[in-house]
Amino acid sequence: MLISVIIPVYNVEKYLKNCVESILNQTYKNLEIILVDDGSTDSSGEICDFYQQIDKRVKVIHRHNGGVSNARNTGISVMKGDLVTFVDSDDYIDPRMVEILYRLLLKNNADISATSSKNVYEKNFLSNKKQEEIYIGTGVEILMELHNRYSWEVWGKLYKRELFSNIKFLEDKIYEDYYFSTRIFLSAKKAVFADYGLYNYYQRSSGIMGESSKVMKKDLIEIIESNIQFIDELYKFQDKDNQKLYANFIKHSFERLYRILLNGKKRRNFEYIQSYRMLVIKNITRIMKNEYIEVSTKFGFLLSLLSVSVLRLLIITKYSFMNKNSFIKLK
């Protein structure tokens, strides 16, 4: 079975060779490797062309800069594979990753198979991976398991092509993975997650996700609201699955937003603290009535509404009231 690997490329000449060769050296060989050069101004485009010349599985698309989501959508529009996976061009993958995800998908008759990641730092430190557990369930159940692990990124996962018939990446937004993963997993009937740490996620201090910016905070708030609306459209408001998914999603979403608000200067955060409080206000009735949200978490949400000063104090002292423990166990 042909598997497409889509890699958006933009000014990563230092990392690209390691990324591409980790894909060329996969134990699973029937690959279509799509390198989307998103208007690079360094030698990344030439490196892409070099690999196209030496390996017939590599296909290169050169285009004007449009962002990572647009580049991924471009790759999706031309892919020929029955299955697809995504790799960021400054990361690299274990030689067995594609084969293991493929076998997990087939064995469990799943629509999505996923693995966890290991963090690689600029000082060549690789975080240890000890757990090797497998979780099988519906797309909703696996999405909730990934939420609890903060593993919502698009990479490190293998998807059936048909899931993309009505789903594309949200363009011109940061946290587009969060938007995409919510929709793709809720469209899957069955998924499997193997906690094997087969994806190597390179931590760059200069990377987008290493920054605290107005755009990040604004985009995350908008995507949280969009995802809540999507969940409500998919399930009846009082449906048990809706309530359980909403509880999982709201805790994960606000925890991530809260962690971003920890960064940056107080004055810069003031506007987004206000936006955070407005988002809580919109959802506070549902939060308080939801039986799947712990009392301590409900109290934390109420506390954050007392005043901007109180919430700012919580942020400054880095006191997080969120309960990160998973409330759903998959066997």
C-alpha atoms as a PDB file:
ATOM      1  CA  MET A   1       0.000   0.000   0.000  1.00  0.00           C
ATOM      2  CA  LEU A   2       1.339   3.425  -0.955  1.00  0.00           C
ATOM      3  CA  ILE A   3       1.859   5.828   1.956  1.00  0.00           C
ATOM      4  CA  SER A   4       2.302   9.548   1.326  1.00  0.00           C
ATOM      5  CA  VAL A   5       4.632  11.529   3.587  1.00  0.00           C
ATOM      6  CA  ILE A   6       4.019  15.293   3.428  1.00  0.00           C
ATOM      7  CA  ILE A   7       6.770  17.654   4.625  1.00  0.00           C
ATOM      8  CA  PRO A   8       6.327  21.458   4.545  1.00  0.00           C
ATOM      9  CA  VAL A   9       9.745  23.085   4.057  1.00  0.00           C
ATOM     10  CA  TYR A  10      10.706  26.651   4.897  1.00  0.00           C
ATOM     11  CA  ASN A  11      14.264  27.863   5.626  1.00  0.00           C
ATOM     12  CA  VAL A  12      15.447  24.718   7.394  1.00  0.00           C
ATOM     13  CA  GLU A  13      18.723  24.053   5.589  1.00  0.00           C
ATOM     14  CA  LYS A  14      20.373  23.110   8.891  1.00  0.00           C
ATOM     15  CA  TYR A  15      17.842  20.356   9.665  1.00  0.00           C
ATOM     16  CA  LEU A  16      16.350  19.230   6.357  1.00  0.00           C
ATOM     17  CA  LYS A  17      18.907  16.577   5.413  1.00  0.00           C
ATOM     18  CA  ASN A  18      18.455  14.743   8.727  1.00  0.00           C
ATOM     19  CA  CYS A  19      14.672  14.879   8.306  1.00  0.00           C
ATOM     20  CA  VAL A  20      14.540  13.602   4.728  1.00  0.00           C
ATOM     21  CA  GLU A  21      17.083  10.839   5.255  1.00  0.00           C
ATOM     22  CA  SER A  22      15.149   9.560   8.272  1.00  0.00           C
ATOM     23  CA  ILE A  23      12.213   9.099   5.880  1.00  0.00           C
ATOM     24  CA  LEU A  24      14.240   7.606   3.029  1.00  0.00           C
ATOM     25  CA  ASN A  25      15.659   5.057   5.472  1.00  0.00           C
ATOM     26  CA  GLN A  26      12.283   3.808   6.704  1.00  0.00           C
ATOM     27  CA  THR A  27      11.869   0.043   6.934  1.00  0.00           C
ATOM     28  CA  TYR A  28       8.591   0.537   5.044  1.00  0.00           C
ATOM     29  CA  LYS A  29       9.671   1.367   1.483  1.00  0.00           C
ATOM     30  CA  ASN A  30       6.479   1.964  -0.508  1.00  0.00           C
ATOM     31  CA  LEU A  31       6.452   5.710   0.088  1.00  0.00           C
ATOM     32  CA  GLU A  32       5.568   8.873  -1.772  1.00  0.00           C
ATOM     33  CA  ILE A  33       7.618  11.680  -0.192  1.00  0.00           C
ATOM     34  CA  ILE A  34       6.193  15.133  -0.950  1.00  0.00           C
ATOM     35  CA  LEU A  35       8.485  18.057  -0.109  1.00  0.00           C
ATOM     36  CA  VAL A  36       6.565  21.341  -0.304  1.00  0.00           C
ATOM     37  CA  ASP A  37       9.130  24.159  -0.526  1.00  0.00           C
ATOM     38  CA  ASP A  38       7.132  27.059   0.880  1.00  0.00           C
ATOM     39  CA  GLY A  39       9.155  29.896  -0.664  1.00  0.00           C
ATOM     40  CA  SER A  40      12.425  29.207   1.185  1.00  0.00           C
ATOM     41  CA  THR A  41      15.076  31.912   0.887  1.00  0.00           C
ATOM     42  CA  ASP A  42      17.992  29.729   2.019  1.00  0.00           C
ATOM     43  CA  SER A  43      19.292  26.541   0.362  1.00  0.00           C
ATOM     44  CA  SER A  44      16.303  24.407   1.458  1.00  0.00           C
ATOM     45  CA  GLY A  45      14.838  24.399  -2.081  1.00  0.00           C
ATOM     46  CA  GLU A  46      18.105  23.131  -3.570  1.00  0.00           C
ATOM     47  CA  ILE A  47      18.316  20.403  -0.933  1.00  0.00           C
ATOM     48  CA  CYS A  48      14.792  19.300  -1.878  1.00  0.00           C
ATOM     49  CA  ASP A  49      15.778  19.135  -5.558  1.00  0.00           C
ATOM     50  CA  PHE A  50      18.853  17.068  -4.707  1.00  0.00           C
ATOM     51  CA  TYR A  51      16.770  14.372  -3.017  1.00  0.00           C
ATOM     52  CA  GLN A  52      14.320  14.338  -5.914  1.00  0.00           C
ATOM     53  CA  GLN A  53      17.218  13.586  -8.235  1.00  0.00           C
ATOM     54  CA  ILE A  54      18.599  10.693  -6.189  1.00  0.00           C
ATOM     55  CA  ASP A  55      15.350   8.975  -5.155  1.00  0.00           C
ATOM     56  CA  LYS A  56      12.336   8.532  -7.426  1.00  0.00           C
ATOM     57  CA  ARG A  57       9.983   8.410  -4.415  1.00  0.00           C
ATOM     58  CA  VAL A  58      10.626  12.103  -3.722  1.00  0.00           C
ATOM     59  CA  LYS A  59       8.383  14.740  -5.302  1.00  0.00           C
ATOM     60  CA  VAL A  60       9.173  18.446  -4.870  1.00  0.00           C
ATOM     61  CA  ILE A  61       6.719  21.336  -5.122  1.00  0.00           C
ATOM     62  CA  HIS A  62       8.154  24.869  -5.165  1.00  0.00           C
ATOM     63  CA  ARG A  63       5.689  27.632  -4.349  1.00  0.00           C
ATOM     64  CA  HIS A  64       5.382  31.134  -2.914  1.00  0.00           C
ATOM     65  CA  ASN A  65       5.307  31.352   0.856  1.00  0.00           C
ATOM     66  CA  GLY A  66       1.833  30.666   2.200  1.00  0.00           C
ATOM     67  CA  GLY A  67       2.443  29.131   5.626  1.00  0.00           C
ATOM     68  CA  VAL A  68       2.646  25.596   6.973  1.00  0.00           C
ATOM     69  CA  SER A  69      -1.100  24.874   6.746  1.00  0.00           C
ATOM     70  CA  ASN A  70      -1.262  25.992   3.140  1.00  0.00           C
ATOM     71  CA  ALA A  71       1.793  23.855   2.354  1.00  0.00           C
ATOM     72  CA  ARG A  72       0.185  20.804   3.961  1.00  0.00           C
ATOM     73  CA  ASN A  73      -3.039  21.402   2.037  1.00  0.00           C
ATOM     74  CA  THR A  74      -0.979  21.614  -1.154  1.00  0.00           C
ATOM     75  CA  GLY A  75       0.572  18.247  -0.368  1.00  0.00           C
ATOM     76  CA  ILE A  76      -2.841  16.732   0.341  1.00  0.00           C
ATOM     77  CA  SER A  77      -4.178  17.989  -2.997  1.00  0.00           C
ATOM     78  CA  VAL A  78      -1.510  16.074  -4.984  1.00  0.00           C
ATOM     79  CA  MET A  79      -0.905  12.976  -2.842  1.00  0.00           C
ATOM     80  CA  LYS A  80      -1.534   9.567  -4.372  1.00  0.00           C
ATOM     81  CA  GLY A  81      -1.197   7.418  -1.267  1.00  0.00           C
ATOM     82  CA  ASP A  82      -3.983   5.437   0.384  1.00  0.00           C
ATOM     83  CA  LEU A  83      -2.575   6.571   3.732  1.00  0.00           C
ATOM     84  CA  VAL A  84      -0.797   9.782   4.725  1.00  0.00           C
ATOM     85  CA  THR A  85       1.497  11.002   7.479  1.00  0.00           C
ATOM     86  CA  PHE A  86       3.069  14.389   8.161  1.00  0.00           C
ATOM     87  CA  VAL A  87       6.589  15.258   9.283  1.00  0.00           C
ATOM     88  CA  ASP A  88       7.897  18.720  10.139  1.00  0.00           C
ATOM     89  CA  SER A  89      11.083  19.533   8.255  1.00  0.00           C
ATOM     90  CA  ASP A  90      13.192  20.229  11.350  1.00  0.00           C
ATOM     91  CA  ASP A  91      12.204  16.933  13.013  1.00  0.00           C
ATOM     92  CA  TYR A  92      13.149  13.331  12.220  1.00  0.00           C
ATOM     93  CA  ILE A  93      11.526   9.947  12.755  1.00  0.00           C
ATOM     94  CA  ASP A  94      12.533   6.499  13.952  1.00  0.00           C
ATOM     95  CA  PRO A  95      13.374   4.151  11.040  1.00  0.00           C
ATOM     96  CA  ARG A  96      10.454   1.886  12.057  1.00  0.00           C
ATOM     97  CA  MET A  97       7.812   4.557  12.581  1.00  0.00           C
ATOM     98  CA  VAL A  98       5.893   4.262   9.316  1.00  0.00           C
ATOM     99  CA  GLU A  99       5.933   0.458   9.365  1.00  0.00           C
ATOM    100  CA  ILE A 100       4.787   0.272  12.988  1.00  0.00           C
ATOM    101  CA  LEU A 101       1.957   2.767  12.427  1.00  0.00           C
ATOM    102  CA  TYR A 102       0.925   0.895   9.269  1.00  0.00           C
ATOM    103  CA  ARG A 103       0.816  -2.476  11.036  1.00  0.00           C
ATOM    104  CA  LEU A 104      -1.116  -1.000  13.976  1.00  0.00           C
ATOM    105  CA  LEU A 105      -3.645   0.488  11.568  1.00  0.00           C
ATOM    106  CA  LEU A 106      -4.188  -2.815   9.743  1.00  0.00           C
ATOM    107  CA  LYS A 107      -4.196  -5.039  12.829  1.00  0.00           C
ATOM    108  CA  ASN A 108      -6.838  -2.934  14.571  1.00  0.00           C
ATOM    109  CA  ASN A 109      -8.825  -1.986  11.459  1.00  0.00           C
ATOM    110  CA  ALA A 110      -8.416   1.637  12.517  1.00  0.00           C
ATOM    111  CA  ASP A 111      -8.770   4.933  10.639  1.00  0.00           C
ATOM    112  CA  ILE A 112      -5.860   6.572  12.478  1.00  0.00           C
ATOM    113  CA  SER A 113      -2.787   5.182  14.214  1.00  0.00           C
ATOM    114  CA  ALA A 114      -0.597   7.408  16.341  1.00  0.00           C
ATOM    115  CA  THR A 115       2.607   7.343  18.335  1.00  0.00           C
ATOM    116  CA  SER A 116       4.104   9.631  20.958  1.00  0.00           C
ATOM    117  CA  SER A 117       7.153  11.855  20.523  1.00  0.00           C
ATOM    118  CA  LYS A 118      10.508  12.422  22.170  1.00  0.00           C
ATOM    119  CA  ASN A 119      11.904  15.912  22.612  1.00  0.00           C
ATOM    120  CA  VAL A 120      15.279  16.642  21.038  1.00  0.00           C
ATOM    121  CA  TYR A 121      17.048  19.769  22.249  1.00  0.00           C
ATOM    122  CA  GLU A 122      19.677  21.955  20.629  1.00  0.00           C
ATOM    123  CA  LYS A 123      22.284  20.713  23.084  1.00  0.00           C
ATOM    124  CA  ASN A 124      21.726  17.182  21.756  1.00  0.00           C
ATOM    125  CA  PHE A 125      19.828  16.037  24.828  1.00  0.00           C
ATOM    126  CA  LEU A 126      17.152  13.481  24.066  1.00  0.00           C
ATOM    127  CA  SER A 127      14.395  13.009  26.638  1.00  0.00           C
ATOM    128  CA  ASN A 128      13.930   9.426  27.806  1.00  0.00           C
ATOM    129  CA  LYS A 129      10.886   7.400  26.821  1.00  0.00           C
ATOM    130  CA  LYS A 130       9.946   4.700  29.313  1.00  0.00           C
ATOM    131  CA  GLN A 131       6.289   3.843  28.729  1.00  0.00           C
ATOM    132  CA  GLU A 132       5.312   1.563  25.849  1.00  0.00           C
ATOM    133  CA  GLU A 133       1.557   1.184  26.156  1.00  0.00           C
ATOM    134  CA  ILE A 134      -1.084   0.760  23.445  1.00  0.00           C
ATOM    135  CA  TYR A 135      -4.552   2.327  23.625  1.00  0.00           C
ATOM    136  CA  ILE A 136      -7.383   1.326  21.295  1.00  0.00           C
ATOM    137  CA  GLY A 137     -10.749   3.012  21.089  1.00  0.00           C
ATOM    138  CA  THR A 138     -13.039   5.247  19.109  1.00  0.00           C
ATOM    139  CA  GLY A 139     -11.644   8.400  17.545  1.00  0.00           C
ATOM    140  CA  VAL A 140     -13.232  10.369  20.401  1.00  0.00           C
ATOM    141  CA  GLU A 141     -11.621   8.200  23.091  1.00  0.00           C
ATOM    142  CA  ILE A 142      -8.154   8.383  21.552  1.00  0.00           C
ATOM    143  CA  LEU A 143      -8.500  12.137  21.059  1.00  0.00           C
ATOM    144  CA  MET A 144      -9.217  12.498  24.774  1.00  0.00           C
ATOM    145  CA  GLU A 145      -6.235  10.303  25.623  1.00  0.00           C
ATOM    146  CA  LEU A 146      -4.010  12.499  23.429  1.00  0.00           C
ATOM    147  CA  HIS A 147      -5.449  15.624  25.051  1.00  0.00           C
ATOM    148  CA  ASN A 148      -4.412  14.349  28.455  1.00  0.00           C
ATOM    149  CA  ARG A 149      -0.894  13.835  27.142  1.00  0.00           C
ATOM    150  CA  TYR A 150      -0.761  17.192  25.318  1.00  0.00           C
ATOM    151  CA  SER A 151      -0.092  15.293  22.105  1.00  0.00           C
ATOM    152  CA  TRP A 152      -2.513  16.956  19.685  1.00  0.00           C
ATOM    153  CA  GLU A 153       0.004  17.672  16.902  1.00  0.00           C
ATOM    154  CA  VAL A 154      -0.668  16.416  13.384  1.00  0.00           C
ATOM    155  CA  TRP A 155       2.668  14.627  13.099  1.00  0.00           C
ATOM    156  CA  GLY A 156       3.442  11.159  14.476  1.00  0.00           C
ATOM    157  CA  LYS A 157       0.165   9.828  13.101  1.00  0.00           C
ATOM    158  CA  LEU A 158      -0.981   7.817  10.086  1.00  0.00           C
ATOM    159  CA  TYR A 159      -4.359   8.661   8.527  1.00  0.00           C
ATOM    160  CA  LYS A 160      -6.617   7.009   5.984  1.00  0.00           C
ATOM    161  CA  ARG A 161      -6.944   9.140   2.882  1.00  0.00           C
ATOM    162  CA  GLU A 162     -10.751   9.225   2.970  1.00  0.00           C
ATOM    163  CA  LEU A 163     -10.730  11.223   6.223  1.00  0.00           C
ATOM    164  CA  PHE A 164      -9.542  14.235   4.225  1.00  0.00           C
ATOM    165  CA  SER A 165     -12.568  14.442   1.946  1.00  0.00           C
ATOM    166  CA  ASN A 166     -14.093  17.268   4.016  1.00  0.00           C
ATOM    167  CA  ILE A 167     -11.215  18.251   6.315  1.00  0.00           C
ATOM    168  CA  LYS A 168      -8.365  20.621   5.546  1.00  0.00           C
ATOM    169  CA  PHE A 169      -5.856  22.559   7.613  1.00  0.00           C
ATOM    170  CA  LEU A 170      -6.925  25.974   8.857  1.00  0.00           C
ATOM    171  CA  GLU A 171      -4.697  28.506   7.102  1.00  0.00           C
ATOM    172  CA  ASP A 172      -3.101  31.687   8.453  1.00  0.00           C
ATOM    173  CA  LYS A 173      -3.456  30.540  12.061  1.00  0.00           C
ATOM    174  CA  ILE A 174      -1.072  29.261  14.720  1.00  0.00           C
ATOM    175  CA  TYR A 175      -2.341  26.145  16.534  1.00  0.00           C
ATOM    176  CA  GLU A 176      -3.780  24.869  13.275  1.00  0.00           C
ATOM    177  CA  ASP A 177      -2.894  21.359  14.503  1.00  0.00           C
ATOM    178  CA  TYR A 178      -5.302  21.778  17.413  1.00  0.00           C
ATOM    179  CA  TYR A 179      -8.105  22.735  15.021  1.00  0.00           C
ATOM    180  CA  PHE A 180      -7.259  19.899  12.621  1.00  0.00           C
ATOM    181  CA  SER A 181      -6.815  17.116  15.191  1.00  0.00           C
ATOM    182  CA  THR A 182     -10.182  17.832  16.805  1.00  0.00           C
ATOM    183  CA  ARG A 183     -11.957  17.383  13.487  1.00  0.00           C
ATOM    184  CA  ILE A 184      -9.966  14.463  12.070  1.00  0.00           C
ATOM    185  CA  PHE A 185     -10.227  12.308  15.222  1.00  0.00           C
ATOM    186  CA  LEU A 186     -13.936  13.008  15.668  1.00  0.00           C
ATOM    187  CA  SER A 187     -14.386  11.837  12.068  1.00  0.00           C
ATOM    188  CA  ALA A 188     -12.624   8.526  12.787  1.00  0.00           C
ATOM    189  CA  LYS A 189     -14.640   5.508  13.902  1.00  0.00           C
ATOM    190  CA  LYS A 190     -11.622   3.782  15.427  1.00  0.00           C
ATOM    191  CA  ALA A 191      -8.081   4.817  16.339  1.00  0.00           C
ATOM    192  CA  VAL A 192      -5.040   3.343  18.057  1.00  0.00           C
ATOM    193  CA  PHE A 193      -2.284   5.095  20.006  1.00  0.00           C
ATOM    194  CA  ALA A 194       1.072   3.444  20.736  1.00  0.00           C
ATOM    195  CA  ASP A 195       3.165   5.229  23.347  1.00  0.00           C
ATOM    196  CA  TYR A 196       6.452   4.284  21.656  1.00  0.00           C
ATOM    197  CA  GLY A 197       8.148   7.687  21.213  1.00  0.00           C
ATOM    198  CA  LEU A 198       8.926   7.116  17.512  1.00  0.00           C
ATOM    199  CA  TYR A 199       8.714  10.771  16.465  1.00  0.00           C
ATOM    200  CA  ASN A 200      11.667  13.009  17.361  1.00  0.00           C
ATOM    201  CA  TYR A 201      10.479  16.557  17.981  1.00  0.00           C
ATOM    202  CA  TYR A 202      13.267  19.103  17.703  1.00  0.00           C
ATOM    203  CA  GLN A 203      13.017  21.923  20.242  1.00  0.00           C
ATOM    204  CA  ARG A 204      14.344  25.125  18.697  1.00  0.00           C
ATOM    205  CA  SER A 205      14.529  28.265  20.818  1.00  0.00           C
ATOM    206  CA  SER A 206      13.890  30.263  17.647  1.00  0.00           C
ATOM    207  CA  GLY A 207      10.851  28.214  16.647  1.00  0.00           C
ATOM    208  CA  ILE A 208       7.323  29.597  16.458  1.00  0.00           C
ATOM    209  CA  MET A 209       6.071  27.511  19.348  1.00  0.00           C
ATOM    210  CA  GLY A 210       8.985  28.689  21.479  1.00  0.00           C
ATOM    211  CA  GLU A 211       7.708  32.247  21.330  1.00  0.00           C
ATOM    212  CA  SER A 212       5.008  34.033  23.284  1.00  0.00           C
ATOM    213  CA  SER A 213       3.196  36.398  20.949  1.00  0.00           C
ATOM    214  CA  LYS A 214      -0.053  38.252  20.558  1.00  0.00           C
ATOM    215  CA  VAL A 215      -0.864  36.135  17.523  1.00  0.00           C
ATOM    216  CA  MET A 216      -0.459  32.864  19.443  1.00  0.00           C
ATOM    217  CA  LYS A 217      -2.799  33.934  22.225  1.00  0.00           C
ATOM    218  CA  LYS A 218      -5.391  35.421  19.899  1.00  0.00           C
ATOM    219  CA  ASP A 219      -5.377  32.406  17.576  1.00  0.00           C
ATOM    220  CA  LEU A 220      -5.670  29.905  20.418  1.00  0.00           C
ATOM    221  CA  ILE A 221      -8.680  31.697  21.898  1.00  0.00           C
ATOM    222  CA  GLU A 222     -10.377  31.717  18.489  1.00  0.00           C
ATOM    223  CA  ILE A 223      -9.639  28.030  17.883  1.00  0.00           C
ATOM    224  CA  ILE A 224     -10.888  27.032  21.342  1.00  0.00           C
ATOM    225  CA  GLU A 225     -14.202  28.757  20.576  1.00  0.00           C
ATOM    226  CA  SER A 226     -14.333  27.160  17.117  1.00  0.00           C
ATOM    227  CA  ASN A 227     -13.686  23.680  18.522  1.00  0.00           C
ATOM    228  CA  ILE A 228     -16.384  24.070  21.193  1.00  0.00           C
ATOM    229  CA  GLN A 229     -18.852  25.053  18.469  1.00  0.00           C
ATOM    230  CA  PHE A 230     -17.790  22.047  16.369  1.00  0.00           C
ATOM    231  CA  ILE A 231     -18.302  19.654  19.284  1.00  0.00           C
ATOM    232  CA  ASP A 232     -21.764  21.067  19.907  1.00  0.00           C
ATOM    233  CA  GLU A 233     -22.710  20.690  16.253  1.00  0.00           C
ATOM    234  CA  LEU A 234     -21.537  17.075  16.271  1.00  0.00           C
ATOM    235  CA  TYR A 235     -23.322  16.002  19.453  1.00  0.00           C
ATOM    236  CA  LYS A 236     -26.530  16.943  21.165  1.00  0.00           C
ATOM    237  CA  PHE A 237     -25.875  19.386  23.997  1.00  0.00           C
ATOM    238  CA  GLN A 238     -27.032  17.034  26.765  1.00  0.00           C
ATOM    239  CA  ASP A 239     -25.600  13.894  25.184  1.00  0.00           C
ATOM    240  CA  LYS A 240     -23.254  11.952  27.495  1.00  0.00           C
ATOM    241  CA  ASP A 241     -20.496  11.822  24.868  1.00  0.00           C
ATOM    242  CA  ASN A 242     -20.846  15.568  24.388  1.00  0.00           C
ATOM    243  CA  GLN A 243     -20.499  16.193  28.122  1.00  0.00           C
ATOM    244  CA  LYS A 244     -17.499  13.908  28.520  1.00  0.00           C
ATOM    245  CA  LEU A 245     -15.720  15.263  25.443  1.00  0.00           C
ATOM    246  CA  TYR A 246     -16.519  18.851  26.419  1.00  0.00           C
ATOM    247  CA  ALA A 247     -15.081  18.299  29.917  1.00  0.00           C
ATOM    248  CA  ASN A 248     -11.890  16.820  28.517  1.00  0.00           C
ATOM    249  CA  PHE A 249     -11.564  19.483  25.850  1.00  0.00           C
ATOM    250  CA  ILE A 250     -12.303  22.482  28.061  1.00  0.00           C
ATOM    251  CA  LYS A 251      -9.753  21.468  30.693  1.00  0.00           C
ATOM    252  CA  HIS A 252      -7.080  20.769  28.110  1.00  0.00           C
ATOM    253  CA  SER A 253      -7.782  23.950  26.132  1.00  0.00           C
ATOM    254  CA  PHE A 254      -7.755  26.273  29.113  1.00  0.00           C
ATOM    255  CA  GLU A 255      -4.653  24.636  30.532  1.00  0.00           C
ATOM    256  CA  ARG A 256      -2.818  25.276  27.261  1.00  0.00           C
ATOM    257  CA  LEU A 257      -4.016  28.879  27.098  1.00  0.00           C
ATOM    258  CA  TYR A 258      -3.117  29.326  30.754  1.00  0.00           C
ATOM    259  CA  ARG A 259       0.428  28.106  30.134  1.00  0.00           C
ATOM    260  CA  ILE A 260       0.858  30.601  27.294  1.00  0.00           C
ATOM    261  CA  LEU A 261      -0.345  33.410  29.556  1.00  0.00           C
ATOM    262  CA  LEU A 262       2.444  32.473  31.956  1.00  0.00           C
ATOM    263  CA  ASN A 263       4.899  33.849  29.415  1.00  0.00           C
ATOM    264  CA  GLY A 264       5.507  37.473  28.545  1.00  0.00           C
ATOM    265  CA  LYS A 265       5.215  40.711  30.470  1.00  0.00           C
ATOM    266  CA  LYS A 266       2.162  41.557  32.582  1.00  0.00           C
ATOM    267  CA  ARG A 267       1.137  44.527  30.449  1.00  0.00           C
ATOM    268  CA  ARG A 268       1.243  42.498  27.251  1.00  0.00           C
ATOM    269  CA  ASN A 269      -0.869  39.809  28.873  1.00  0.00           C
ATOM    270  CA  PHE A 270      -3.554  42.167  30.177  1.00  0.00           C
ATOM    271  CA  GLU A 271      -5.633  42.103  26.972  1.00  0.00           C
ATOM    272  CA  TYR A 272      -5.494  38.313  26.762  1.00  0.00           C
ATOM    273  CA  ILE A 273      -6.263  37.854  30.430  1.00  0.00           C
ATOM    274  CA  GLN A 274      -9.454  39.768  29.688  1.00  0.00           C
ATOM    275  CA  SER A 275     -10.142  37.524  26.687  1.00  0.00           C
ATOM    276  CA  TYR A 276      -9.474  34.461  28.843  1.00  0.00           C
ATOM    277  CA  ARG A 277     -11.989  35.665  31.429  1.00  0.00           C
ATOM    278  CA  MET A 278     -14.606  36.349  28.745  1.00  0.00           C
ATOM    279  CA  LEU A 279     -14.121  32.823  27.434  1.00  0.00           C
ATOM    280  CA  VAL A 280     -14.625  31.424  30.941  1.00  0.00           C
ATOM    281  CA  ILE A 281     -17.725  33.573  31.421  1.00  0.00           C
ATOM    282  CA  LYS A 282     -19.232  32.216  28.190  1.00  0.00           C
ATOM    283  CA  ASN A 283     -18.681  28.648  29.381  1.00  0.00           C
ATOM    284  CA  ILE A 284     -19.036  28.888  33.166  1.00  0.00           C
ATOM    285  CA  THR A 285     -22.616  27.546  33.324  1.00  0.00           C
ATOM    286  CA  ARG A 286     -21.687  24.457  31.298  1.00  0.00           C
ATOM    287  CA  ILE A 287     -18.525  23.985  33.321  1.00  0.00           C
ATOM    288  CA  MET A 288     -20.384  24.078  36.631  1.00  0.00           C
ATOM    289  CA  LYS A 289     -23.106  21.670  35.460  1.00  0.00           C
ATOM    290  CA  ASN A 290     -20.728  19.158  33.854  1.00  0.00           C
ATOM    291  CA  GLU A 291     -20.389  16.037  36.037  1.00  0.00           C
ATOM    292  CA  TYR A 292     -17.068  15.082  34.416  1.00  0.00           C
ATOM    293  CA  ILE A 293     -15.247  18.218  35.588  1.00  0.00           C
ATOM    294  CA  GLU A 294     -13.737  17.898  39.064  1.00  0.00           C
ATOM    295  CA  VAL A 295     -14.893  20.224  41.850  1.00  0.00           C
ATOM    296  CA  SER A 296     -11.353  21.586  42.282  1.00  0.00           C
ATOM    297  CA  THR A 297     -11.245  22.566  38.611  1.00  0.00           C
ATOM    298  CA  LYS A 298     -14.653  24.249  38.834  1.00  0.00           C
ATOM    299  CA  PHE A 299     -13.434  26.202  41.851  1.00  0.00           C
ATOM    300  CA  GLY A 300     -10.381  27.304  39.898  1.00  0.00           C
ATOM    301  CA  PHE A 301     -12.510  28.616  37.056  1.00  0.00           C
ATOM    302  CA  LEU A 302     -14.679  30.560  39.506  1.00  0.00           C
ATOM    303  CA  LEU A 303     -11.601  31.962  41.216  1.00  0.00           C
ATOM    304  CA  SER A 304     -10.235  33.213  37.918  1.00  0.00           C
ATOM    305  CA  LEU A 305     -13.407  35.252  37.392  1.00  0.00           C
ATOM    306  CA  LEU A 306     -13.095  37.287  40.591  1.00  0.00           C
ATOM    307  CA  SER A 307     -10.955  39.960  38.974  1.00  0.00           C
ATOM    308  CA  VAL A 308      -8.215  40.504  36.445  1.00  0.00           C
ATOM    309  CA  SER A 309      -5.842  41.124  39.352  1.00  0.00           C
ATOM    310  CA  VAL A 310      -6.597  37.728  40.890  1.00  0.00           C
ATOM    311  CA  LEU A 311      -6.093  35.925  37.602  1.00  0.00           C
ATOM    312  CA  ARG A 312      -2.904  37.877  36.942  1.00  0.00           C
ATOM    313  CA  LEU A 313      -1.653  36.868  40.389  1.00  0.00           C
ATOM    314  CA  LEU A 314      -2.390  33.213  39.614  1.00  0.00           C
ATOM    315  CA  ILE A 315      -0.425  33.545  36.392  1.00  0.00           C
ATOM    316  CA  ILE A 316       2.514  35.388  37.925  1.00  0.00           C
ATOM    317  CA  THR A 317       2.839  32.799  40.691  1.00  0.00           C
ATOM    318  CA  LYS A 318       2.418  30.032  38.091  1.00  0.00           C
ATOM    319  CA  TYR A 319      -0.337  28.424  40.115  1.00  0.00           C
ATOM    320  CA  SER A 320      -2.347  26.148  37.866  1.00  0.00           C
ATOM    321  CA  PHE A 321      -5.672  24.853  39.123  1.00  0.00           C
ATOM    322  CA  MET A 322      -6.149  22.413  36.272  1.00  0.00           C
ATOM    323  CA  ASN A 323      -6.360  18.716  37.042  1.00  0.00           C
ATOM    324  CA  LYS A 324      -4.325  16.915  34.381  1.00  0.00           C
ATOM    325  CA  ASN A 325      -5.262  13.362  35.381  1.00  0.00           C
ATOM    326  CA  SER A 326      -7.054  11.359  32.743  1.00  0.00           C
ATOM    327  CA  PHE A 327     -10.595  10.396  33.650  1.00  0.00           C
ATOM    328  CA  ILE A 328     -10.973   7.823  30.898  1.00  0.00           C
ATOM    329  CA  LYS A 329      -9.049   4.553  30.881  1.00  0.00           C
ATOM    330  CA  LEU A 330      -8.715   2.615  27.643  1.00  0.00           C
ATOM    331  CA  LYS A 331      -7.870  -1.063  27.695  1.00  0.00           C
END
